[in-house]
Amino acid sequence: MNDVRPIRAKSGTNHEGTSAHNRRVIIDALRINGELSRADLARATWLTKQTVSNIIEELERDGLVRSQEPVRKGRGQPSTPYRLVPEGAFAIGLQIDRHVTRAVAVDLIGSVLVRAEAGLPTGGPSTGAKVILDLVAEVRSKLAGIVQQSEKRMVGLGVAMPGPFGVAGSGDDPWMMEAWQKFPLLETLTAGTGLDVGLQNDAAAAATAERMVGAAHGLDHAVCLFVGYGIGAGLILNGELYRGANGNAGEIGMALLFADGKTTPLEHRASLASLYQHLSADPADPDLHTCINDLASRGDQSIETWIETAAVELRWSIHLIETVFDPQTVILCGSAPEALVNRLIVAIGPLLPSIAERPGRMLPRLQPGMADPWSVALGAAAGPINRAFDPHFAAILKDSL
């Protein structure tokens, strides 16, 4: 009887000059599958056993991989499984939102070790930049108190904030953080922290979190429909996050709908900001998340009316996503409370007919993901980890030059 479990992994290449790509492929296979032996890795990645052995030895020396107790399978020789060392690398994730900023520190496998948040003052980046730098310094200091070598193994700072990027606004549009968009944020953070800094929109960060430790873990084709202050879609295509030419891919919240005799953006009818307006709630209220979760949990009529309208628009959005991207699944996630996400999923059904309706589906067309205000910061932190260790076609090009 065959007891070999299926292993999800990308293929390496045995051609010369591709060592960086192969190293990333091995790390990715261990991240997705957990413990694997050298034979498992060679079989899954199509690399030779000698290449796998060389890479494993290198990763052990670098403190990224650790051997486990040998395991005997059948009558053959026992095999030694390997797994990633969580303390092999660390990253900081920073979310900048309209009224609050959150920061987390994660290890190589995405476990959150430290988190902290602070309110953002109304003065925009002129006063908020110091708050953010102080928050990052606080998280790094707490992490160093937990893991002494964290600074030596810090791979970068990931930042996430609402998009779109590089689009001219009216200056007072509450849906866009135009002052922060125009501020030299990356330069300020790089100078203030000494770290490599990357930026992505909040929906892309949420998708990164889902890919690392959530519902998109191990999937090559998924779209994360992010419901936050606005609405966005994080696109996981061919196992990689797709950002578009200007980092604005997935800004589905700006798609225009025709409703009530006029055109209006999707996020004006189905985002948390539209819910806040419906409830006449203050978005800066620190208890608002809990309040909305309670209203959704008990089916309060004040929120059910909004859910009914939002579900119609989100149902159309899912149909559009399935038609354009043909994902394995659509994941509804975001900073919305869990009870609200669950109610939305129920209200969205049944989904509209689409090309995603086919026999033999392994995953539901729509499923819940993380419903957590911290998910964007987590995804921002996963960004530097992914850039440092995930396999990309660019790694082959870099090694072959």
Protein backbone atom coordinates (compact mmCIF):
# COMPACT_ATOMS: atom_id res chain seq x y z
CA MET A 1 0.00 0.00 0.00
CA ASN A 2 1.43 3.38 -0.99
CA ASP A 3 1.72 5.70 2.04
CA VAL A 4 3.67 8.44 0.29
CA ARG A 5 1.88 11.71 0.92
CA PRO A 6 1.59 14.25 -1.89
CA ILE A 7 4.14 17.04 -1.66
CA ARG A 8 3.47 20.54 -2.99
CA ALA A 9 6.61 22.14 -4.39
CA LYS A 10 7.88 24.20 -7.28
CA SER A 11 10.41 22.70 -9.64
CA GLY A 12 14.08 23.48 -9.40
CA THR A 13 16.51 23.23 -12.28
CA ASN A 14 19.70 21.20 -12.59
CA HIS A 15 21.23 23.65 -15.08
CA GLU A 16 24.37 25.53 -14.12
CA GLY A 17 24.06 28.96 -12.57
CA THR A 18 20.69 28.49 -10.87
CA SER A 19 21.74 27.92 -7.27
CA ALA A 20 19.82 30.89 -5.83
CA HIS A 21 16.57 29.69 -7.42
CA ASN A 22 17.10 26.10 -6.24
CA ARG A 23 17.83 27.27 -2.70
CA ARG A 24 14.57 29.21 -2.68
CA VAL A 25 12.68 26.20 -4.08
CA ILE A 26 13.89 24.02 -1.19
CA ILE A 27 12.95 26.64 1.40
CA ASP A 28 9.52 27.07 -0.19
CA ALA A 29 8.89 23.31 -0.19
CA LEU A 30 9.73 23.10 3.51
CA ARG A 31 7.56 26.13 4.27
CA ILE A 32 4.53 24.65 2.52
CA ASN A 33 4.87 21.00 3.56
CA GLY A 34 6.68 21.09 6.90
CA GLU A 35 9.18 18.31 7.53
CA LEU A 36 10.66 16.63 4.43
CA SER A 37 13.60 14.30 3.85
CA ARG A 38 16.25 14.85 1.19
CA ALA A 39 14.65 12.11 -0.92
CA ASP A 40 11.23 13.80 -0.55
CA LEU A 41 12.71 17.13 -1.63
CA ALA A 42 14.52 15.62 -4.63
CA ARG A 43 11.36 13.84 -5.77
CA ALA A 44 9.14 16.91 -5.39
CA THR A 45 11.48 19.53 -6.88
CA TRP A 46 13.01 17.42 -9.69
CA LEU A 47 16.49 18.26 -8.41
CA THR A 48 19.20 15.63 -8.17
CA LYS A 49 19.83 14.10 -4.75
CA GLN A 50 23.33 15.57 -4.76
CA THR A 51 22.01 19.07 -5.47
CA VAL A 52 19.46 18.74 -2.67
CA SER A 53 22.14 17.48 -0.26
CA ASN A 54 24.42 20.40 -1.09
CA ILE A 55 21.63 22.92 -0.56
CA ILE A 56 20.48 21.33 2.72
CA GLU A 57 24.05 21.43 4.06
CA GLU A 58 24.32 25.09 3.07
CA LEU A 59 21.00 25.96 4.69
CA GLU A 60 22.02 24.14 7.88
CA ARG A 61 25.23 26.18 8.04
CA ASP A 62 23.21 29.36 7.57
CA GLY A 63 20.87 28.43 10.44
CA LEU A 64 17.78 28.22 8.22
CA VAL A 65 17.19 24.46 8.33
CA ARG A 66 17.49 21.89 11.12
CA SER A 67 17.47 18.09 10.98
CA GLN A 68 14.94 16.13 13.04
CA GLU A 69 15.00 12.63 14.51
CA PRO A 70 15.33 9.91 11.81
CA VAL A 71 12.09 8.26 10.77
CA ARG A 72 11.82 4.63 9.63
CA LYS A 73 9.36 3.90 6.84
CA GLY A 74 8.87 0.26 5.94
CA ARG A 75 11.92 -1.99 5.65
CA GLY A 76 14.33 0.56 4.25
CA GLN A 77 16.91 2.72 5.98
CA PRO A 78 15.51 5.46 8.24
CA SER A 79 15.33 8.89 6.63
CA THR A 80 16.18 12.20 8.27
CA PRO A 81 13.50 14.88 7.90
CA TYR A 82 14.40 18.57 7.81
CA ARG A 83 12.38 21.61 8.74
CA LEU A 84 12.79 25.36 8.69
CA VAL A 85 14.25 27.06 11.77
CA PRO A 86 11.77 29.76 12.86
CA GLU A 87 14.61 31.86 14.29
CA GLY A 88 16.42 31.75 10.95
CA ALA A 89 15.01 35.11 9.88
CA PHE A 90 12.81 37.93 11.13
CA ALA A 91 10.90 40.80 9.57
CA ILE A 92 8.84 43.78 10.67
CA GLY A 93 5.44 44.54 9.16
CA LEU A 94 3.87 47.99 9.31
CA GLN A 95 0.30 48.92 8.44
CA ILE A 96 -0.54 52.58 7.93
CA ASP A 97 -4.26 53.25 7.90
CA ARG A 98 -6.32 56.40 8.16
CA HIS A 99 -6.62 56.52 11.94
CA VAL A 100 -4.25 53.86 13.27
CA THR A 101 -0.89 52.27 12.59
CA ARG A 102 0.02 48.70 13.53
CA ALA A 103 3.39 46.93 13.60
CA VAL A 104 4.28 43.26 14.06
CA ALA A 105 7.47 41.21 14.17
CA VAL A 106 7.39 37.74 12.60
CA ASP A 107 9.83 34.87 12.23
CA LEU A 108 10.71 32.81 9.15
CA ILE A 109 7.52 30.71 9.28
CA GLY A 110 5.21 33.67 9.87
CA SER A 111 4.61 33.38 13.61
CA VAL A 112 3.87 36.75 15.21
CA LEU A 113 6.25 37.36 18.12
CA VAL A 114 5.52 41.02 18.92
CA ARG A 115 2.76 43.41 17.97
CA ALA A 116 1.89 47.00 18.89
CA GLU A 117 -0.38 49.76 17.63
CA ALA A 118 -0.74 53.51 17.96
CA GLY A 119 -3.28 56.11 16.91
CA LEU A 120 -2.27 58.39 14.06
CA PRO A 121 -2.61 62.12 14.69
CA THR A 122 -4.73 64.21 12.34
CA GLY A 123 -1.76 66.15 10.97
CA GLY A 124 -0.89 63.48 8.41
CA PRO A 125 2.72 62.43 7.80
CA SER A 126 4.18 65.66 9.16
CA THR A 127 3.24 64.47 12.65
CA GLY A 128 2.50 60.81 11.95
CA ALA A 129 5.97 59.86 10.65
CA LYS A 130 7.50 60.10 14.12
CA VAL A 131 4.68 58.00 15.60
CA ILE A 132 5.38 55.31 13.02
CA LEU A 133 9.15 55.33 13.52
CA ASP A 134 8.69 55.14 17.30
CA LEU A 135 6.30 52.20 16.88
CA VAL A 136 8.75 50.27 14.69
CA ALA A 137 11.55 50.95 17.19
CA GLU A 138 9.34 49.68 20.01
CA VAL A 139 8.57 46.42 18.21
CA ARG A 140 12.25 45.86 17.32
CA SER A 141 13.29 46.48 20.91
CA LYS A 142 10.73 44.01 22.26
CA LEU A 143 11.78 41.43 19.67
CA ALA A 144 15.44 41.81 20.64
CA GLY A 145 14.42 41.14 24.23
CA ILE A 146 12.89 37.84 23.12
CA VAL A 147 15.48 36.73 20.54
CA GLN A 148 18.98 38.13 20.98
CA GLN A 149 20.11 37.54 17.38
CA SER A 150 16.97 39.06 15.83
CA GLU A 151 18.72 42.20 14.57
CA LYS A 152 21.43 40.16 12.83
CA ARG A 153 18.77 38.07 11.10
CA MET A 154 16.40 40.90 10.23
CA VAL A 155 15.62 40.78 6.50
CA GLY A 156 13.58 43.96 6.17
CA LEU A 157 10.56 46.13 6.87
CA GLY A 158 7.36 45.63 4.89
CA VAL A 159 4.84 48.46 4.71
CA ALA A 160 1.20 48.28 3.66
CA MET A 161 -1.27 51.09 3.19
CA PRO A 162 -4.39 51.74 1.12
CA GLY A 163 -3.89 52.37 -2.59
CA PRO A 164 -4.06 53.28 -5.34
CA PHE A 165 -0.54 54.60 -5.70
CA GLY A 166 0.47 57.47 -7.96
CA VAL A 167 -3.09 58.53 -8.79
CA ALA A 168 -4.03 62.20 -8.56
CA GLY A 169 -6.80 62.98 -6.08
CA SER A 170 -8.86 65.97 -5.06
CA GLY A 171 -6.83 66.57 -1.92
CA ASP A 172 -9.74 66.00 0.45
CA ASP A 173 -10.96 62.58 -0.74
CA PRO A 174 -11.65 60.52 2.43
CA TRP A 175 -11.19 57.31 0.43
CA MET A 176 -7.57 58.09 -0.43
CA MET A 177 -4.64 58.88 1.86
CA GLU A 178 -3.26 61.46 -0.55
CA ALA A 179 -0.98 63.24 1.94
CA TRP A 180 0.73 59.94 2.76
CA GLN A 181 0.86 59.06 -0.94
CA LYS A 182 2.85 62.22 -1.68
CA PHE A 183 5.11 61.88 1.38
CA PRO A 184 8.61 60.34 0.84
CA LEU A 185 7.60 57.39 3.02
CA LEU A 186 10.10 54.77 1.87
CA GLU A 187 13.01 57.17 2.11
CA THR A 188 11.94 58.29 5.59
CA LEU A 189 11.55 54.74 6.88
CA THR A 190 14.80 53.55 5.32
CA ALA A 191 16.72 56.44 6.90
CA GLY A 192 14.95 56.07 10.24
CA THR A 193 15.27 52.29 10.59
CA GLY A 194 18.33 51.30 8.55
CA LEU A 195 16.28 48.46 7.01
CA ASP A 196 15.39 47.55 3.45
CA VAL A 197 11.80 48.78 3.01
CA GLY A 198 9.12 47.58 0.60
CA LEU A 199 5.61 48.94 0.03
CA GLN A 200 2.39 47.25 -1.10
CA ASN A 201 -1.30 48.04 -0.87
CA ASP A 202 -3.36 46.61 1.97
CA ALA A 203 -5.22 44.06 -0.18
CA ALA A 204 -1.93 42.68 -1.51
CA ALA A 205 -0.62 42.45 2.05
CA ALA A 206 -3.73 40.56 3.16
CA ALA A 207 -3.20 38.12 0.27
CA THR A 208 0.43 37.68 1.32
CA ALA A 209 -0.72 36.79 4.84
CA GLU A 210 -3.27 34.31 3.47
CA ARG A 211 -0.58 32.75 1.28
CA MET A 212 1.88 32.39 4.13
CA VAL A 213 -0.32 31.15 6.97
CA GLY A 214 -3.95 31.35 5.85
CA ALA A 215 -6.51 29.96 3.41
CA ALA A 216 -4.25 30.49 0.35
CA HIS A 217 -1.38 28.48 1.87
CA GLY A 218 -0.08 26.10 -0.79
CA LEU A 219 -2.35 27.47 -3.55
CA ASP A 220 -0.99 28.71 -6.88
CA HIS A 221 -4.09 30.58 -8.07
CA ALA A 222 -6.25 32.48 -5.59
CA VAL A 223 -7.81 35.90 -5.28
CA CYS A 224 -8.31 37.48 -1.86
CA LEU A 225 -11.25 39.88 -1.86
CA PHE A 226 -10.30 42.32 0.87
CA VAL A 227 -13.03 44.18 2.75
CA GLY A 228 -11.56 47.02 4.79
CA TYR A 229 -12.11 50.76 4.87
CA GLY A 230 -12.10 50.33 1.09
CA ILE A 231 -12.19 47.20 -1.08
CA GLY A 232 -9.35 45.56 -2.98
CA ALA A 233 -8.30 42.24 -4.45
CA GLY A 234 -4.99 40.56 -3.69
CA LEU A 235 -3.99 38.48 -6.71
CA ILE A 236 -2.00 35.25 -6.31
CA LEU A 237 -1.23 34.12 -9.84
CA ASN A 238 1.05 31.19 -10.66
CA GLY A 239 2.12 31.04 -7.02
CA GLU A 240 3.29 34.65 -6.87
CA LEU A 241 1.67 37.91 -5.83
CA TYR A 242 0.82 40.01 -8.87
CA ARG A 243 1.16 43.78 -8.30
CA GLY A 244 0.73 45.24 -11.77
CA ALA A 245 2.80 47.90 -13.54
CA ASN A 246 2.36 50.51 -10.79
CA GLY A 247 1.51 48.41 -7.74
CA ASN A 248 -2.20 49.00 -8.25
CA ALA A 249 -3.37 45.59 -9.50
CA GLY A 250 -6.56 44.48 -7.80
CA GLU A 251 -8.02 47.94 -7.04
CA ILE A 252 -11.47 46.51 -7.70
CA GLY A 253 -13.04 48.89 -5.19
CA MET A 254 -12.65 51.65 -7.79
CA ALA A 255 -14.68 49.71 -10.37
CA LEU A 256 -17.75 51.74 -11.29
CA LEU A 257 -21.25 50.37 -10.72
CA PHE A 258 -24.52 51.78 -11.99
CA ALA A 259 -26.86 52.12 -9.02
CA ASP A 260 -29.66 54.47 -8.05
CA GLY A 261 -29.48 56.13 -11.46
CA LYS A 262 -25.79 57.05 -11.27
CA THR A 263 -22.32 55.52 -11.40
CA THR A 264 -20.56 54.93 -8.11
CA PRO A 265 -17.41 53.02 -7.11
CA LEU A 266 -17.91 49.54 -5.64
CA GLU A 267 -16.26 50.49 -2.35
CA HIS A 268 -18.80 53.26 -1.81
CA ARG A 269 -21.46 50.55 -1.45
CA ALA A 270 -19.75 47.49 0.06
CA SER A 271 -16.76 48.58 2.18
CA LEU A 272 -16.43 49.19 5.89
CA ALA A 273 -16.39 52.93 5.21
CA SER A 274 -19.83 52.62 3.61
CA LEU A 275 -20.98 50.63 6.66
CA TYR A 276 -19.64 53.32 8.99
CA GLN A 277 -21.61 55.92 7.04
CA HIS A 278 -24.72 53.71 7.17
CA LEU A 279 -24.38 53.43 10.97
CA SER A 280 -23.30 57.07 11.42
CA ALA A 281 -20.26 55.65 13.25
CA ASP A 282 -16.90 57.30 13.90
CA PRO A 283 -14.16 55.32 12.06
CA ALA A 284 -11.65 56.42 14.71
CA ASP A 285 -13.67 54.85 17.56
CA PRO A 286 -11.38 52.16 19.08
CA ASP A 287 -14.41 50.08 20.09
CA LEU A 288 -16.03 50.13 16.64
CA HIS A 289 -14.66 46.74 15.53
CA THR A 290 -16.13 45.04 18.60
CA CYS A 291 -19.41 46.91 18.25
CA ILE A 292 -19.89 45.83 14.61
CA ASN A 293 -18.96 42.25 15.44
CA ASP A 294 -21.66 42.23 18.14
CA LEU A 295 -24.26 43.75 15.78
CA ALA A 296 -23.49 41.15 13.10
CA SER A 297 -23.48 38.28 15.61
CA ARG A 298 -27.02 39.01 16.79
CA GLY A 299 -28.37 39.92 13.34
CA ASP A 300 -29.22 43.50 14.24
CA GLN A 301 -31.47 45.04 11.59
CA SER A 302 -29.31 48.17 11.38
CA ILE A 303 -26.51 46.08 9.90
CA GLU A 304 -28.63 43.52 8.02
CA THR A 305 -29.86 46.23 5.64
CA TRP A 306 -26.28 47.12 4.71
CA ILE A 307 -25.31 43.43 4.37
CA GLU A 308 -28.13 42.88 1.90
CA THR A 309 -26.91 45.72 -0.35
CA ALA A 310 -23.22 44.88 0.00
CA ALA A 311 -23.82 41.20 -0.79
CA VAL A 312 -25.33 42.06 -4.18
CA GLU A 313 -22.26 44.08 -5.18
CA LEU A 314 -19.77 41.54 -3.81
CA ARG A 315 -21.59 38.72 -5.63
CA TRP A 316 -21.03 40.61 -8.90
CA SER A 317 -17.37 41.22 -7.92
CA ILE A 318 -16.76 37.52 -7.36
CA HIS A 319 -18.30 36.70 -10.73
CA LEU A 320 -15.98 39.23 -12.38
CA ILE A 321 -12.92 37.87 -10.53
CA GLU A 322 -13.71 34.28 -11.54
CA THR A 323 -14.25 35.28 -15.16
CA VAL A 324 -11.02 37.26 -15.48
CA PHE A 325 -8.58 35.28 -13.31
CA ASP A 326 -9.95 31.71 -13.14
CA PRO A 327 -8.70 31.17 -9.55
CA GLN A 328 -8.85 27.94 -7.57
CA THR A 329 -10.90 29.85 -4.99
CA VAL A 330 -11.90 33.36 -3.93
CA ILE A 331 -11.12 34.20 -0.30
CA LEU A 332 -13.18 36.85 1.49
CA CYS A 333 -10.91 38.47 4.06
CA GLY A 334 -9.94 41.81 5.55
CA SER A 335 -10.12 43.95 8.63
CA ALA A 336 -13.87 43.42 8.87
CA PRO A 337 -14.98 41.56 12.03
CA GLU A 338 -15.30 37.78 11.70
CA ALA A 339 -19.04 37.74 12.38
CA LEU A 340 -19.56 40.28 9.58
CA VAL A 341 -17.46 38.29 7.09
CA ASN A 342 -19.42 35.13 7.91
CA ARG A 343 -22.74 36.94 7.47
CA LEU A 344 -21.57 38.38 4.14
CA ILE A 345 -20.60 34.93 2.84
CA VAL A 346 -24.05 33.58 3.68
CA ALA A 347 -25.76 36.61 2.11
CA ILE A 348 -23.62 36.48 -1.07
CA GLY A 349 -24.80 32.96 -1.85
CA PRO A 350 -25.86 31.52 -4.14
CA LEU A 351 -23.04 32.73 -6.41
CA LEU A 352 -23.76 33.75 -9.98
CA PRO A 353 -23.11 31.15 -12.71
CA SER A 354 -19.56 31.42 -14.01
CA ILE A 355 -16.71 29.47 -15.59
CA ALA A 356 -15.74 28.44 -12.05
CA GLU A 357 -18.77 26.12 -11.91
CA ARG A 358 -17.27 22.83 -13.01
CA PRO A 359 -17.29 19.20 -11.87
CA GLY A 360 -14.46 17.92 -9.71
CA ARG A 361 -13.79 21.13 -7.81
CA MET A 362 -11.49 20.53 -4.84
CA LEU A 363 -12.13 23.89 -3.17
CA PRO A 364 -15.28 26.01 -2.69
CA ARG A 365 -15.67 28.93 -5.06
CA LEU A 366 -15.86 31.28 -2.07
CA GLN A 367 -14.44 30.75 1.41
CA PRO A 368 -13.65 32.88 4.46
CA GLY A 369 -10.11 33.99 5.18
CA MET A 370 -8.60 36.05 7.97
CA ALA A 371 -11.01 38.52 9.49
CA ASP A 372 -8.53 40.34 11.66
CA PRO A 373 -7.41 43.98 11.95
CA TRP A 374 -3.83 42.68 12.24
CA SER A 375 -3.84 40.66 9.01
CA VAL A 376 -2.52 43.55 6.89
CA ALA A 377 0.45 44.11 9.21
CA LEU A 378 1.12 40.36 9.17
CA GLY A 379 1.09 40.34 5.38
CA ALA A 380 3.35 43.38 5.29
CA ALA A 381 5.85 41.49 7.47
CA ALA A 382 5.60 38.43 5.24
CA GLY A 383 6.64 40.58 2.28
CA PRO A 384 10.35 40.83 3.19
CA ILE A 385 10.41 37.12 4.10
CA ASN A 386 8.96 36.27 0.68
CA ARG A 387 11.38 38.57 -1.16
CA ALA A 388 14.33 37.00 0.62
CA PHE A 389 13.36 33.33 0.38
CA ASP A 390 10.55 32.60 -2.11
CA PRO A 391 11.38 31.19 -5.57
CA HIS A 392 10.94 33.69 -8.38
CA PHE A 393 11.88 33.58 -12.03
CA ALA A 394 14.11 36.59 -11.38
CA ALA A 395 16.32 34.43 -9.19
CA ILE A 396 17.20 32.29 -12.22
CA LEU A 397 18.00 35.37 -14.27
CA LYS A 398 20.17 36.85 -11.53
CA ASP A 399 22.23 33.70 -11.14
CA SER A 400 22.68 33.21 -14.87
CA LEU A 401 24.01 36.72 -15.58
